[in-house]
Amino acid sequence: MKHPVDVHVGKRVRHRRWMVGMTQQQLAEKVGIKFQQIQKYETGMNRVSASRLWDIAQTLGVPVSFFFEGLSIGAGDMGSDEVESLPGDLLADKEALELVRSYYAIPENQRRRLFDLARVLSDVG
């Protein structure tokens, strides 16, 4: 049975990998494992060891803590449905991921203006 924390960490690995435009094969090669192992990590079927999570974090350019963001303290006692609905899991939506990815592809000065516009528009509703 999958542990909800393993599922959450796996989702965060998948989201970050996707955000940086890396395939499972590319990530696997960089951390020295087979892509099938990355698949198992991303689905929560296999647990990621501390040293492997460190390697993945280094490769994806995030701190190890990134993979635990959005996870509540009592998550180990939750069912998987509850973990999936945590507030930090907005990136489970593919459209939201594409939006964030596109946003960061915009030059910084234009990105700031777009951010200000979005803030103003969201206040209107």
PDB file of N, CA and C in Angstrom:
ATOM      1  N   MET A   1       0.836  -1.186   0.000  1.00  0.00           N
ATOM      2  CA  MET A   1       0.000   0.000   0.000  1.00  0.00           C
ATOM      3  C   MET A   1       0.885   1.256   0.000  1.00  0.00           C
ATOM      4  N   LYS A   2       0.475   2.227  -0.795  1.00  0.00           N
ATOM      5  CA  LYS A   2       1.243   3.466  -0.897  1.00  0.00           C
ATOM      6  C   LYS A   2       1.039   4.308   0.356  1.00  0.00           C
ATOM      7  N   HIS A   3       2.125   4.879   0.841  1.00  0.00           N
ATOM      8  CA  HIS A   3       2.039   5.802   1.974  1.00  0.00           C
ATOM      9  C   HIS A   3       1.735   7.184   1.410  1.00  0.00           C
ATOM     10  N   PRO A   4       0.804   7.921   2.032  1.00  0.00           N
ATOM     11  CA  PRO A   4       0.429   9.233   1.491  1.00  0.00           C
ATOM     12  C   PRO A   4       1.587  10.220   1.367  1.00  0.00           C
ATOM     13  N   VAL A   5       2.573  10.140   2.237  1.00  0.00           N
ATOM     14  CA  VAL A   5       3.724  11.045   2.138  1.00  0.00           C
ATOM     15  C   VAL A   5       4.558  10.687   0.907  1.00  0.00           C
ATOM     16  N   ASP A   6       4.719   9.394   0.634  1.00  0.00           N
ATOM     17  CA  ASP A   6       5.459   8.974  -0.558  1.00  0.00           C
ATOM     18  C   ASP A   6       4.754   9.439  -1.829  1.00  0.00           C
ATOM     19  N   VAL A   7       3.430   9.383  -1.829  1.00  0.00           N
ATOM     20  CA  VAL A   7       2.644   9.845  -2.977  1.00  0.00           C
ATOM     21  C   VAL A   7       2.844  11.346  -3.165  1.00  0.00           C
ATOM     22  N   HIS A   8       2.798  12.094  -2.067  1.00  0.00           N
ATOM     23  CA  HIS A   8       2.969  13.549  -2.133  1.00  0.00           C
ATOM     24  C   HIS A   8       4.360  13.909  -2.653  1.00  0.00           C
ATOM     25  N   VAL A   9       5.385  13.288  -2.108  1.00  0.00           N
ATOM     26  CA  VAL A   9       6.762  13.560  -2.548  1.00  0.00           C
ATOM     27  C   VAL A   9       6.905  13.212  -4.027  1.00  0.00           C
ATOM     28  N   GLY A  10       6.346  12.084  -4.435  1.00  0.00           N
ATOM     29  CA  GLY A  10       6.415  11.680  -5.839  1.00  0.00           C
ATOM     30  C   GLY A  10       5.757  12.677  -6.772  1.00  0.00           C
ATOM     31  N   LYS A  11       4.609  13.200  -6.351  1.00  0.00           N
ATOM     32  CA  LYS A  11       3.924  14.208  -7.163  1.00  0.00           C
ATOM     33  C   LYS A  11       4.774  15.462  -7.296  1.00  0.00           C
ATOM     34  N   ARG A  12       5.417  15.843  -6.194  1.00  0.00           N
ATOM     35  CA  ARG A  12       6.254  17.046  -6.237  1.00  0.00           C
ATOM     36  C   ARG A  12       7.477  16.836  -7.144  1.00  0.00           C
ATOM     37  N   VAL A  13       8.029  15.619  -7.137  1.00  0.00           N
ATOM     38  CA  VAL A  13       9.141  15.306  -8.045  1.00  0.00           C
ATOM     39  C   VAL A  13       8.648  15.451  -9.484  1.00  0.00           C
ATOM     40  N   ARG A  14       7.504  14.841  -9.794  1.00  0.00           N
ATOM     41  CA  ARG A  14       6.959  14.891 -11.148  1.00  0.00           C
ATOM     42  C   ARG A  14       6.669  16.330 -11.579  1.00  0.00           C
ATOM     43  N   HIS A  15       6.058  17.115 -10.687  1.00  0.00           N
ATOM     44  CA  HIS A  15       5.727  18.499 -11.043  1.00  0.00           C
ATOM     45  C   HIS A  15       6.981  19.320 -11.322  1.00  0.00           C
ATOM     46  N   ARG A  16       7.964  19.179 -10.460  1.00  0.00           N
ATOM     47  CA  ARG A  16       9.195  19.955 -10.660  1.00  0.00           C
ATOM     48  C   ARG A  16       9.922  19.505 -11.920  1.00  0.00           C
ATOM     49  N   ARG A  17       9.980  18.212 -12.155  1.00  0.00           N
ATOM     50  CA  ARG A  17      10.636  17.684 -13.355  1.00  0.00           C
ATOM     51  C   ARG A  17       9.951  18.247 -14.597  1.00  0.00           C
ATOM     52  N   TRP A  18       8.632  18.251 -14.561  1.00  0.00           N
ATOM     53  CA  TRP A  18       7.874  18.773 -15.689  1.00  0.00           C
ATOM     54  C   TRP A  18       8.112  20.274 -15.866  1.00  0.00           C
ATOM     55  N   MET A  19       8.174  21.003 -14.744  1.00  0.00           N
ATOM     56  CA  MET A  19       8.375  22.451 -14.803  1.00  0.00           C
ATOM     57  C   MET A  19       9.713  22.825 -15.446  1.00  0.00           C
ATOM     58  N   VAL A  20      10.725  22.036 -15.208  1.00  0.00           N
ATOM     59  CA  VAL A  20      12.030  22.350 -15.791  1.00  0.00           C
ATOM     60  C   VAL A  20      12.201  21.719 -17.174  1.00  0.00           C
ATOM     61  N   GLY A  21      11.162  21.025 -17.649  1.00  0.00           N
ATOM     62  CA  GLY A  21      11.198  20.456 -18.988  1.00  0.00           C
ATOM     63  C   GLY A  21      12.091  19.244 -19.133  1.00  0.00           C
ATOM     64  N   MET A  22      12.165  18.448 -18.097  1.00  0.00           N
ATOM     65  CA  MET A  22      13.032  17.275 -18.091  1.00  0.00           C
ATOM     66  C   MET A  22      12.187  16.000 -18.195  1.00  0.00           C
ATOM     67  N   THR A  23      12.656  15.040 -18.958  1.00  0.00           N
ATOM     68  CA  THR A  23      11.959  13.758 -19.052  1.00  0.00           C
ATOM     69  C   THR A  23      12.375  12.862 -17.886  1.00  0.00           C
ATOM     70  N   GLN A  24      11.616  11.799 -17.684  1.00  0.00           N
ATOM     71  CA  GLN A  24      11.995  10.827 -16.657  1.00  0.00           C
ATOM     72  C   GLN A  24      13.363  10.228 -16.985  1.00  0.00           C
ATOM     73  N   GLN A  25      13.602   9.969 -18.256  1.00  0.00           N
ATOM     74  CA  GLN A  25      14.878   9.398 -18.684  1.00  0.00           C
ATOM     75  C   GLN A  25      16.035  10.335 -18.356  1.00  0.00           C
ATOM     76  N   GLN A  26      15.872  11.616 -18.632  1.00  0.00           N
ATOM     77  CA  GLN A  26      16.933  12.591 -18.361  1.00  0.00           C
ATOM     78  C   GLN A  26      17.216  12.691 -16.868  1.00  0.00           C
ATOM     79  N   LEU A  27      16.159  12.744 -16.058  1.00  0.00           N
ATOM     80  CA  LEU A  27      16.356  12.810 -14.608  1.00  0.00           C
ATOM     81  C   LEU A  27      17.048  11.555 -14.110  1.00  0.00           C
ATOM     82  N   ALA A  28      16.607  10.417 -14.594  1.00  0.00           N
ATOM     83  CA  ALA A  28      17.205   9.145 -14.177  1.00  0.00           C
ATOM     84  C   ALA A  28      18.694   9.103 -14.498  1.00  0.00           C
ATOM     85  N   GLU A  29      19.059   9.524 -15.696  1.00  0.00           N
ATOM     86  CA  GLU A  29      20.469   9.513 -16.096  1.00  0.00           C
ATOM     87  C   GLU A  29      21.302  10.419 -15.201  1.00  0.00           C
ATOM     88  N   LYS A  30      20.749  11.587 -14.862  1.00  0.00           N
ATOM     89  CA  LYS A  30      21.499  12.543 -14.042  1.00  0.00           C
ATOM     90  C   LYS A  30      21.694  12.055 -12.608  1.00  0.00           C
ATOM     91  N   VAL A  31      20.768  11.247 -12.096  1.00  0.00           N
ATOM     92  CA  VAL A  31      20.928  10.747 -10.728  1.00  0.00           C
ATOM     93  C   VAL A  31      21.455   9.315 -10.698  1.00  0.00           C
ATOM     94  N   GLY A  32      21.689   8.734 -11.886  1.00  0.00           N
ATOM     95  CA  GLY A  32      22.336   7.428 -11.970  1.00  0.00           C
ATOM     96  C   GLY A  32      21.438   6.233 -11.699  1.00  0.00           C
ATOM     97  N   ILE A  33      20.189   6.310 -12.138  1.00  0.00           N
ATOM     98  CA  ILE A  33      19.266   5.187 -11.981  1.00  0.00           C
ATOM     99  C   ILE A  33      18.493   4.987 -13.282  1.00  0.00           C
ATOM    100  N   LYS A  34      17.642   3.971 -13.320  1.00  0.00           N
ATOM    101  CA  LYS A  34      16.805   3.690 -14.493  1.00  0.00           C
ATOM    102  C   LYS A  34      15.541   4.549 -14.439  1.00  0.00           C
ATOM    103  N   PHE A  35      15.000   4.882 -15.606  1.00  0.00           N
ATOM    104  CA  PHE A  35      13.812   5.735 -15.630  1.00  0.00           C
ATOM    105  C   PHE A  35      12.619   5.062 -14.975  1.00  0.00           C
ATOM    106  N   GLN A  36      12.594   3.721 -14.973  1.00  0.00           N
ATOM    107  CA  GLN A  36      11.494   3.010 -14.320  1.00  0.00           C
ATOM    108  C   GLN A  36      11.451   3.319 -12.823  1.00  0.00           C
ATOM    109  N   GLN A  37      12.622   3.538 -12.247  1.00  0.00           N
ATOM    110  CA  GLN A  37      12.674   3.878 -10.826  1.00  0.00           C
ATOM    111  C   GLN A  37      12.074   5.265 -10.592  1.00  0.00           C
ATOM    112  N   ILE A  38      12.341   6.191 -11.494  1.00  0.00           N
ATOM    113  CA  ILE A  38      11.729   7.518 -11.392  1.00  0.00           C
ATOM    114  C   ILE A  38      10.211   7.380 -11.474  1.00  0.00           C
ATOM    115  N   GLN A  39       9.714   6.533 -12.379  1.00  0.00           N
ATOM    116  CA  GLN A  39       8.270   6.293 -12.482  1.00  0.00           C
ATOM    117  C   GLN A  39       7.707   5.811 -11.152  1.00  0.00           C
ATOM    118  N   LYS A  40       8.408   4.891 -10.526  1.00  0.00           N
ATOM    119  CA  LYS A  40       7.936   4.346  -9.248  1.00  0.00           C
ATOM    120  C   LYS A  40       7.963   5.399  -8.148  1.00  0.00           C
ATOM    121  N   TYR A  41       8.976   6.256  -8.149  1.00  0.00           N
ATOM    122  CA  TYR A  41       9.018   7.349  -7.170  1.00  0.00           C
ATOM    123  C   TYR A  41       7.846   8.297  -7.389  1.00  0.00           C
ATOM    124  N   GLU A  42       7.610   8.650  -8.647  1.00  0.00           N
ATOM    125  CA  GLU A  42       6.581   9.643  -8.952  1.00  0.00           C
ATOM    126  C   GLU A  42       5.161   9.160  -8.641  1.00  0.00           C
ATOM    127  N   THR A  43       4.941   7.875  -8.675  1.00  0.00           N
ATOM    128  CA  THR A  43       3.616   7.338  -8.341  1.00  0.00           C
ATOM    129  C   THR A  43       3.489   7.002  -6.861  1.00  0.00           C
ATOM    130  N   GLY A  44       4.596   7.044  -6.136  1.00  0.00           N
ATOM    131  CA  GLY A  44       4.572   6.689  -4.723  1.00  0.00           C
ATOM    132  C   GLY A  44       4.682   5.201  -4.478  1.00  0.00           C
ATOM    133  N   MET A  45       4.909   4.425  -5.533  1.00  0.00           N
ATOM    134  CA  MET A  45       5.044   2.973  -5.381  1.00  0.00           C
ATOM    135  C   MET A  45       6.316   2.625  -4.601  1.00  0.00           C
ATOM    136  N   ASN A  46       7.375   3.375  -4.828  1.00  0.00           N
ATOM    137  CA  ASN A  46       8.631   3.174  -4.103  1.00  0.00           C
ATOM    138  C   ASN A  46       8.959   4.443  -3.321  1.00  0.00           C
ATOM    139  N   ARG A  47       9.520   4.251  -2.143  1.00  0.00           N
ATOM    140  CA  ARG A  47       9.984   5.384  -1.348  1.00  0.00           C
ATOM    141  C   ARG A  47      11.319   5.876  -1.876  1.00  0.00           C
ATOM    142  N   VAL A  48      11.516   7.173  -1.756  1.00  0.00           N
ATOM    143  CA  VAL A  48      12.778   7.773  -2.163  1.00  0.00           C
ATOM    144  C   VAL A  48      13.654   7.867  -0.923  1.00  0.00           C
ATOM    145  N   SER A  49      14.850   7.289  -0.976  1.00  0.00           N
ATOM    146  CA  SER A  49      15.763   7.388   0.160  1.00  0.00           C
ATOM    147  C   SER A  49      16.234   8.828   0.311  1.00  0.00           C
ATOM    148  N   ALA A  50      16.742   9.144   1.474  1.00  0.00           N
ATOM    149  CA  ALA A  50      17.215  10.502   1.752  1.00  0.00           C
ATOM    150  C   ALA A  50      18.316  10.918   0.776  1.00  0.00           C
ATOM    151  N   SER A  51      19.271  10.048   0.533  1.00  0.00           N
ATOM    152  CA  SER A  51      20.373  10.403  -0.363  1.00  0.00           C
ATOM    153  C   SER A  51      19.892  10.557  -1.802  1.00  0.00           C
ATOM    154  N   ARG A  52      18.930   9.728  -2.213  1.00  0.00           N
ATOM    155  CA  ARG A  52      18.399   9.839  -3.575  1.00  0.00           C
ATOM    156  C   ARG A  52      17.567  11.115  -3.719  1.00  0.00           C
ATOM    157  N   LEU A  53      16.797  11.448  -2.683  1.00  0.00           N
ATOM    158  CA  LEU A  53      16.010  12.677  -2.716  1.00  0.00           C
ATOM    159  C   LEU A  53      16.942  13.890  -2.800  1.00  0.00           C
ATOM    160  N   TRP A  54      18.064  13.802  -2.108  1.00  0.00           N
ATOM    161  CA  TRP A  54      19.075  14.866  -2.170  1.00  0.00           C
ATOM    162  C   TRP A  54      19.577  15.020  -3.606  1.00  0.00           C
ATOM    163  N   ASP A  55      19.910  13.908  -4.258  1.00  0.00           N
ATOM    164  CA  ASP A  55      20.393  13.936  -5.644  1.00  0.00           C
ATOM    165  C   ASP A  55      19.331  14.510  -6.588  1.00  0.00           C
ATOM    166  N   ILE A  56      18.094  14.113  -6.393  1.00  0.00           N
ATOM    167  CA  ILE A  56      17.002  14.604  -7.234  1.00  0.00           C
ATOM    168  C   ILE A  56      16.821  16.102  -7.019  1.00  0.00           C
ATOM    169  N   ALA A  57      16.862  16.531  -5.774  1.00  0.00           N
ATOM    170  CA  ALA A  57      16.714  17.969  -5.470  1.00  0.00           C
ATOM    171  C   ALA A  57      17.832  18.770  -6.132  1.00  0.00           C
ATOM    172  N   GLN A  58      19.058  18.283  -6.048  1.00  0.00           N
ATOM    173  CA  GLN A  58      20.187  18.978  -6.669  1.00  0.00           C
ATOM    174  C   GLN A  58      19.994  19.057  -8.179  1.00  0.00           C
ATOM    175  N   THR A  59      19.568  17.982  -8.782  1.00  0.00           N
ATOM    176  CA  THR A  59      19.370  17.930 -10.228  1.00  0.00           C
ATOM    177  C   THR A  59      18.251  18.865 -10.679  1.00  0.00           C
ATOM    178  N   LEU A  60      17.190  18.934  -9.885  1.00  0.00           N
ATOM    179  CA  LEU A  60      16.035  19.760 -10.254  1.00  0.00           C
ATOM    180  C   LEU A  60      16.144  21.203  -9.746  1.00  0.00           C
ATOM    181  N   GLY A  61      17.219  21.500  -9.002  1.00  0.00           N
ATOM    182  CA  GLY A  61      17.476  22.865  -8.565  1.00  0.00           C
ATOM    183  C   GLY A  61      16.554  23.379  -7.476  1.00  0.00           C
ATOM    184  N   VAL A  62      16.178  22.507  -6.561  1.00  0.00           N
ATOM    185  CA  VAL A  62      15.325  22.907  -5.436  1.00  0.00           C
ATOM    186  C   VAL A  62      15.895  22.339  -4.140  1.00  0.00           C
ATOM    187  N   PRO A  63      15.543  22.940  -2.997  1.00  0.00           N
ATOM    188  CA  PRO A  63      15.949  22.337  -1.726  1.00  0.00           C
ATOM    189  C   PRO A  63      15.109  21.075  -1.463  1.00  0.00           C
ATOM    190  N   VAL A  64      15.609  20.180  -0.673  1.00  0.00           N
ATOM    191  CA  VAL A  64      14.888  18.948  -0.348  1.00  0.00           C
ATOM    192  C   VAL A  64      13.515  19.269   0.244  1.00  0.00           C
ATOM    193  N   SER A  65      13.435  20.339   1.004  1.00  0.00           N
ATOM    194  CA  SER A  65      12.167  20.714   1.629  1.00  0.00           C
ATOM    195  C   SER A  65      11.060  20.980   0.610  1.00  0.00           C
ATOM    196  N   PHE A  66      11.422  21.316  -0.623  1.00  0.00           N
ATOM    197  CA  PHE A  66      10.441  21.561  -1.679  1.00  0.00           C
ATOM    198  C   PHE A  66       9.475  20.394  -1.819  1.00  0.00           C
ATOM    199  N   PHE A  67       9.990  19.183  -1.686  1.00  0.00           N
ATOM    200  CA  PHE A  67       9.171  17.995  -1.919  1.00  0.00           C
ATOM    201  C   PHE A  67       8.150  17.752  -0.810  1.00  0.00           C
ATOM    202  N   PHE A  68       8.294  18.451   0.297  1.00  0.00           N
ATOM    203  CA  PHE A  68       7.374  18.282   1.424  1.00  0.00           C
ATOM    204  C   PHE A  68       6.425  19.465   1.589  1.00  0.00           C
ATOM    205  N   GLU A  69       6.586  20.498   0.756  1.00  0.00           N
ATOM    206  CA  GLU A  69       5.710  21.666   0.841  1.00  0.00           C
ATOM    207  C   GLU A  69       4.270  21.256   0.575  1.00  0.00           C
ATOM    208  N   GLY A  70       3.353  21.847   1.358  1.00  0.00           N
ATOM    209  CA  GLY A  70       1.940  21.542   1.190  1.00  0.00           C
ATOM    210  C   GLY A  70       1.480  20.321   1.952  1.00  0.00           C
ATOM    211  N   LEU A  71       2.392  19.676   2.644  1.00  0.00           N
ATOM    212  CA  LEU A  71       2.071  18.471   3.401  1.00  0.00           C
ATOM    213  C   LEU A  71       1.849  18.868   4.850  1.00  0.00           C
ATOM    214  N   SER A  72       0.694  18.522   5.398  1.00  0.00           N
ATOM    215  CA  SER A  72       0.431  18.898   6.791  1.00  0.00           C
ATOM    216  C   SER A  72       1.169  17.967   7.738  1.00  0.00           C
ATOM    217  N   ILE A  73       1.319  18.378   8.974  1.00  0.00           N
ATOM    218  CA  ILE A  73       2.081  17.622   9.956  1.00  0.00           C
ATOM    219  C   ILE A  73       1.502  16.233  10.182  1.00  0.00           C
ATOM    220  N   GLY A  74       0.188  16.097  10.177  1.00  0.00           N
ATOM    221  CA  GLY A  74      -0.444  14.802  10.406  1.00  0.00           C
ATOM    222  C   GLY A  74      -0.651  13.983   9.155  1.00  0.00           C
ATOM    223  N   ALA A  75       0.045  14.296   8.065  1.00  0.00           N
ATOM    224  CA  ALA A  75      -0.205  13.630   6.790  1.00  0.00           C
ATOM    225  C   ALA A  75       0.037  12.132   6.838  1.00  0.00           C
ATOM    226  N   GLY A  76       0.903  11.683   7.700  1.00  0.00           N
ATOM    227  CA  GLY A  76       1.163  10.254   7.785  1.00  0.00           C
ATOM    228  C   GLY A  76      -0.051   9.467   8.235  1.00  0.00           C
ATOM    229  N   ASP A  77      -1.008  10.149   8.861  1.00  0.00           N
ATOM    230  CA  ASP A  77      -2.220   9.495   9.323  1.00  0.00           C
ATOM    231  C   ASP A  77      -3.378   9.648   8.343  1.00  0.00           C
ATOM    232  N   MET A  78      -3.176  10.417   7.272  1.00  0.00           N
ATOM    233  CA  MET A  78      -4.251  10.691   6.332  1.00  0.00           C
ATOM    234  C   MET A  78      -4.391   9.596   5.298  1.00  0.00           C
ATOM    235  N   GLY A  79      -5.557   9.548   4.693  1.00  0.00           N
ATOM    236  CA  GLY A  79      -5.756   8.718   3.512  1.00  0.00           C
ATOM    237  C   GLY A  79      -5.234   9.466   2.307  1.00  0.00           C
ATOM    238  N   SER A  80      -5.015   8.771   1.195  1.00  0.00           N
ATOM    239  CA  SER A  80      -4.435   9.423   0.018  1.00  0.00           C
ATOM    240  C   SER A  80      -5.349  10.492  -0.559  1.00  0.00           C
ATOM    241  N   ASP A  81      -6.674  10.360  -0.443  1.00  0.00           N
ATOM    242  CA  ASP A  81      -7.577  11.388  -0.957  1.00  0.00           C
ATOM    243  C   ASP A  81      -7.362  12.702  -0.234  1.00  0.00           C
ATOM    244  N   GLU A  82      -7.120  12.629   1.065  1.00  0.00           N
ATOM    245  CA  GLU A  82      -6.910  13.855   1.836  1.00  0.00           C
ATOM    246  C   GLU A  82      -5.607  14.531   1.443  1.00  0.00           C
ATOM    247  N   VAL A  83      -4.557  13.756   1.194  1.00  0.00           N
ATOM    248  CA  VAL A  83      -3.274  14.337   0.808  1.00  0.00           C
ATOM    249  C   VAL A  83      -3.415  15.049  -0.528  1.00  0.00           C
ATOM    250  N   GLU A  84      -4.173  14.454  -1.471  1.00  0.00           N
ATOM    251  CA  GLU A  84      -4.319  15.050  -2.782  1.00  0.00           C
ATOM    252  C   GLU A  84      -5.028  16.389  -2.728  1.00  0.00           C
ATOM    253  N   SER A  85      -5.832  16.635  -1.704  1.00  0.00           N
ATOM    254  CA  SER A  85      -6.592  17.873  -1.650  1.00  0.00           C
ATOM    255  C   SER A  85      -5.912  18.965  -0.818  1.00  0.00           C
ATOM    256  N   LEU A  86      -4.692  18.760  -0.441  1.00  0.00           N
ATOM    257  CA  LEU A  86      -3.988  19.770   0.335  1.00  0.00           C
ATOM    258  C   LEU A  86      -3.826  21.055  -0.474  1.00  0.00           C
ATOM    259  N   PRO A  87      -3.826  22.214   0.185  1.00  0.00           N
ATOM    260  CA  PRO A  87      -3.751  23.491  -0.530  1.00  0.00           C
ATOM    261  C   PRO A  87      -2.536  23.608  -1.449  1.00  0.00           C
ATOM    262  N   GLY A  88      -1.410  23.035  -1.098  1.00  0.00           N
ATOM    263  CA  GLY A  88      -0.205  23.154  -1.905  1.00  0.00           C
ATOM    264  C   GLY A  88      -0.236  22.320  -3.162  1.00  0.00           C
ATOM    265  N   ASP A  89      -1.334  21.592  -3.405  1.00  0.00           N
ATOM    266  CA  ASP A  89      -1.392  20.694  -4.550  1.00  0.00           C
ATOM    267  C   ASP A  89      -2.058  21.319  -5.765  1.00  0.00           C
ATOM    268  N   LEU A  90      -2.066  22.633  -5.839  1.00  0.00           N
ATOM    269  CA  LEU A  90      -2.611  23.324  -6.992  1.00  0.00           C
ATOM    270  C   LEU A  90      -1.907  22.874  -8.265  1.00  0.00           C
ATOM    271  N   LEU A  91      -0.643  22.535  -8.169  1.00  0.00           N
ATOM    272  CA  LEU A  91       0.126  22.142  -9.341  1.00  0.00           C
ATOM    273  C   LEU A  91      -0.232  20.750  -9.852  1.00  0.00           C
ATOM    274  N   ALA A  92      -1.219  20.108  -9.246  1.00  0.00           N
ATOM    275  CA  ALA A  92      -1.701  18.835  -9.769  1.00  0.00           C
ATOM    276  C   ALA A  92      -2.484  19.071 -11.056  1.00  0.00           C
ATOM    277  N   ASP A  93      -2.942  20.287 -11.270  1.00  0.00           N
ATOM    278  CA  ASP A  93      -3.693  20.650 -12.452  1.00  0.00           C
ATOM    279  C   ASP A  93      -2.716  20.980 -13.581  1.00  0.00           C
ATOM    280  N   LYS A  94      -2.819  20.251 -14.692  1.00  0.00           N
ATOM    281  CA  LYS A  94      -1.876  20.439 -15.798  1.00  0.00           C
ATOM    282  C   LYS A  94      -1.940  21.857 -16.360  1.00  0.00           C
ATOM    283  N   GLU A  95      -3.137  22.442 -16.416  1.00  0.00           N
ATOM    284  CA  GLU A  95      -3.281  23.802 -16.913  1.00  0.00           C
ATOM    285  C   GLU A  95      -2.526  24.786 -16.021  1.00  0.00           C
ATOM    286  N   ALA A  96      -2.607  24.591 -14.703  1.00  0.00           N
ATOM    287  CA  ALA A  96      -1.881  25.464 -13.777  1.00  0.00           C
ATOM    288  C   ALA A  96      -0.380  25.316 -13.967  1.00  0.00           C
ATOM    289  N   LEU A  97       0.089  24.089 -14.185  1.00  0.00           N
ATOM    290  CA  LEU A  97       1.511  23.869 -14.434  1.00  0.00           C
ATOM    291  C   LEU A  97       1.968  24.580 -15.708  1.00  0.00           C
ATOM    292  N   GLU A  98       1.167  24.463 -16.755  1.00  0.00           N
ATOM    293  CA  GLU A  98       1.519  25.126 -18.014  1.00  0.00           C
ATOM    294  C   GLU A  98       1.541  26.640 -17.847  1.00  0.00           C
ATOM    295  N   LEU A  99       0.599  27.157 -17.076  1.00  0.00           N
ATOM    296  CA  LEU A  99       0.552  28.594 -16.825  1.00  0.00           C
ATOM    297  C   LEU A  99       1.804  29.072 -16.086  1.00  0.00           C
ATOM    298  N   VAL A 100       2.187  28.356 -15.051  1.00  0.00           N
ATOM    299  CA  VAL A 100       3.380  28.724 -14.284  1.00  0.00           C
ATOM    300  C   VAL A 100       4.629  28.619 -15.153  1.00  0.00           C
ATOM    301  N   ARG A 101       4.708  27.562 -15.923  1.00  0.00           N
ATOM    302  CA  ARG A 101       5.861  27.377 -16.803  1.00  0.00           C
ATOM    303  C   ARG A 101       5.957  28.521 -17.817  1.00  0.00           C
ATOM    304  N   SER A 102       4.838  28.883 -18.414  1.00  0.00           N
ATOM    305  CA  SER A 102       4.815  29.977 -19.383  1.00  0.00           C
ATOM    306  C   SER A 102       5.155  31.302 -18.721  1.00  0.00           C
ATOM    307  N   TYR A 103       4.640  31.494 -17.521  1.00  0.00           N
ATOM    308  CA  TYR A 103       4.890  32.728 -16.765  1.00  0.00           C
ATOM    309  C   TYR A 103       6.392  32.934 -16.564  1.00  0.00           C
ATOM    310  N   TYR A 104       7.091  31.886 -16.166  1.00  0.00           N
ATOM    311  CA  TYR A 104       8.522  32.031 -15.908  1.00  0.00           C
ATOM    312  C   TYR A 104       9.356  32.092 -17.180  1.00  0.00           C
ATOM    313  N   ALA A 105       8.742  31.827 -18.327  1.00  0.00           N
ATOM    314  CA  ALA A 105       9.448  31.965 -19.600  1.00  0.00           C
ATOM    315  C   ALA A 105       9.434  33.417 -20.086  1.00  0.00           C
ATOM    316  N   ILE A 106       8.587  34.242 -19.488  1.00  0.00           N
ATOM    317  CA  ILE A 106       8.477  35.656 -19.857  1.00  0.00           C
ATOM    318  C   ILE A 106       9.642  36.421 -19.215  1.00  0.00           C
ATOM    319  N   PRO A 107      10.244  37.374 -19.944  1.00  0.00           N
ATOM    320  CA  PRO A 107      11.326  38.185 -19.356  1.00  0.00           C
ATOM    321  C   PRO A 107      10.858  38.848 -18.053  1.00  0.00           C
ATOM    322  N   GLU A 108      11.782  39.002 -17.122  1.00  0.00           N
ATOM    323  CA  GLU A 108      11.439  39.432 -15.767  1.00  0.00           C
ATOM    324  C   GLU A 108      10.669  40.749 -15.705  1.00  0.00           C
ATOM    325  N   ASN A 109      11.076  41.761 -16.465  1.00  0.00           N
ATOM    326  CA  ASN A 109      10.377  43.055 -16.387  1.00  0.00           C
ATOM    327  C   ASN A 109       8.934  42.939 -16.894  1.00  0.00           C
ATOM    328  N   GLN A 110       8.711  42.165 -17.943  1.00  0.00           N
ATOM    329  CA  GLN A 110       7.350  41.950 -18.439  1.00  0.00           C
ATOM    330  C   GLN A 110       6.553  41.058 -17.489  1.00  0.00           C
ATOM    331  N   ARG A 111       7.242  40.096 -16.884  1.00  0.00           N
ATOM    332  CA  ARG A 111       6.588  39.190 -15.939  1.00  0.00           C
ATOM    333  C   ARG A 111       6.041  39.969 -14.748  1.00  0.00           C
ATOM    334  N   ARG A 112       6.797  40.936 -14.279  1.00  0.00           N
ATOM    335  CA  ARG A 112       6.349  41.748 -13.146  1.00  0.00           C
ATOM    336  C   ARG A 112       5.091  42.541 -13.508  1.00  0.00           C
ATOM    337  N   ARG A 113       5.071  43.084 -14.712  1.00  0.00           N
ATOM    338  CA  ARG A 113       3.897  43.839 -15.168  1.00  0.00           C
ATOM    339  C   ARG A 113       2.684  42.919 -15.303  1.00  0.00           C
ATOM    340  N   LEU A 114       2.910  41.719 -15.814  1.00  0.00           N
ATOM    341  CA  LEU A 114       1.818  40.747 -15.930  1.00  0.00           C
ATOM    342  C   LEU A 114       1.291  40.362 -14.550  1.00  0.00           C
ATOM    343  N   PHE A 115       2.202  40.194 -13.611  1.00  0.00           N
ATOM    344  CA  PHE A 115       1.807  39.865 -12.238  1.00  0.00           C
ATOM    345  C   PHE A 115       0.939  40.974 -11.648  1.00  0.00           C
ATOM    346  N   ASP A 116       1.353  42.214 -11.831  1.00  0.00           N
ATOM    347  CA  ASP A 116       0.575  43.358 -11.333  1.00  0.00           C
ATOM    348  C   ASP A 116      -0.810  43.399 -11.979  1.00  0.00           C
ATOM    349  N   LEU A 117      -0.876  43.134 -13.284  1.00  0.00           N
ATOM    350  CA  LEU A 117      -2.153  43.101 -13.987  1.00  0.00           C
ATOM    351  C   LEU A 117      -3.054  41.996 -13.429  1.00  0.00           C
ATOM    352  N   ALA A 118      -2.503  40.831 -13.238  1.00  0.00           N
ATOM    353  CA  ALA A 118      -3.284  39.708 -12.689  1.00  0.00           C
ATOM    354  C   ALA A 118      -3.812  40.037 -11.301  1.00  0.00           C
ATOM    355  N   ARG A 119      -3.005  40.690 -10.502  1.00  0.00           N
ATOM    356  CA  ARG A 119      -3.432  41.077  -9.153  1.00  0.00           C
ATOM    357  C   ARG A 119      -4.605  42.055  -9.220  1.00  0.00           C
ATOM    358  N   VAL A 120      -4.523  43.032 -10.107  1.00  0.00           N
ATOM    359  CA  VAL A 120      -5.603  44.008 -10.262  1.00  0.00           C
ATOM    360  C   VAL A 120      -6.872  43.308 -10.764  1.00  0.00           C
ATOM    361  N   LEU A 121      -6.743  42.448 -11.741  1.00  0.00           N
ATOM    362  CA  LEU A 121      -7.910  41.751 -12.283  1.00  0.00           C
ATOM    363  C   LEU A 121      -8.571  40.838 -11.251  1.00  0.00           C
ATOM    364  N   SER A 122      -7.769  40.202 -10.414  1.00  0.00           N
ATOM    365  CA  SER A 122      -8.344  39.308  -9.400  1.00  0.00           C
ATOM    366  C   SER A 122      -9.077  40.088  -8.317  1.00  0.00           C
ATOM    367  N   ASP A 123      -8.695  41.341  -8.094  1.00  0.00           N
ATOM    368  CA  ASP A 123      -9.390  42.177  -7.115  1.00  0.00           C
ATOM    369  C   ASP A 123     -10.738  42.658  -7.651  1.00  0.00           C
ATOM    370  N   VAL A 124     -10.855  42.721  -8.975  1.00  0.00           N
ATOM    371  CA  VAL A 124     -12.092  43.201  -9.601  1.00  0.00           C
ATOM    372  C   VAL A 124     -13.231  42.226  -9.345  1.00  0.00           C
ATOM    373  N   GLY A 125     -12.934  40.893  -9.431  1.00  0.00           N
ATOM    374  CA  GLY A 125     -13.968  39.855  -9.275  1.00  0.00           C
ATOM    375  C   GLY A 125     -14.526  39.878  -7.921  1.00  0.00           C
TER     376      GLY A 125
END
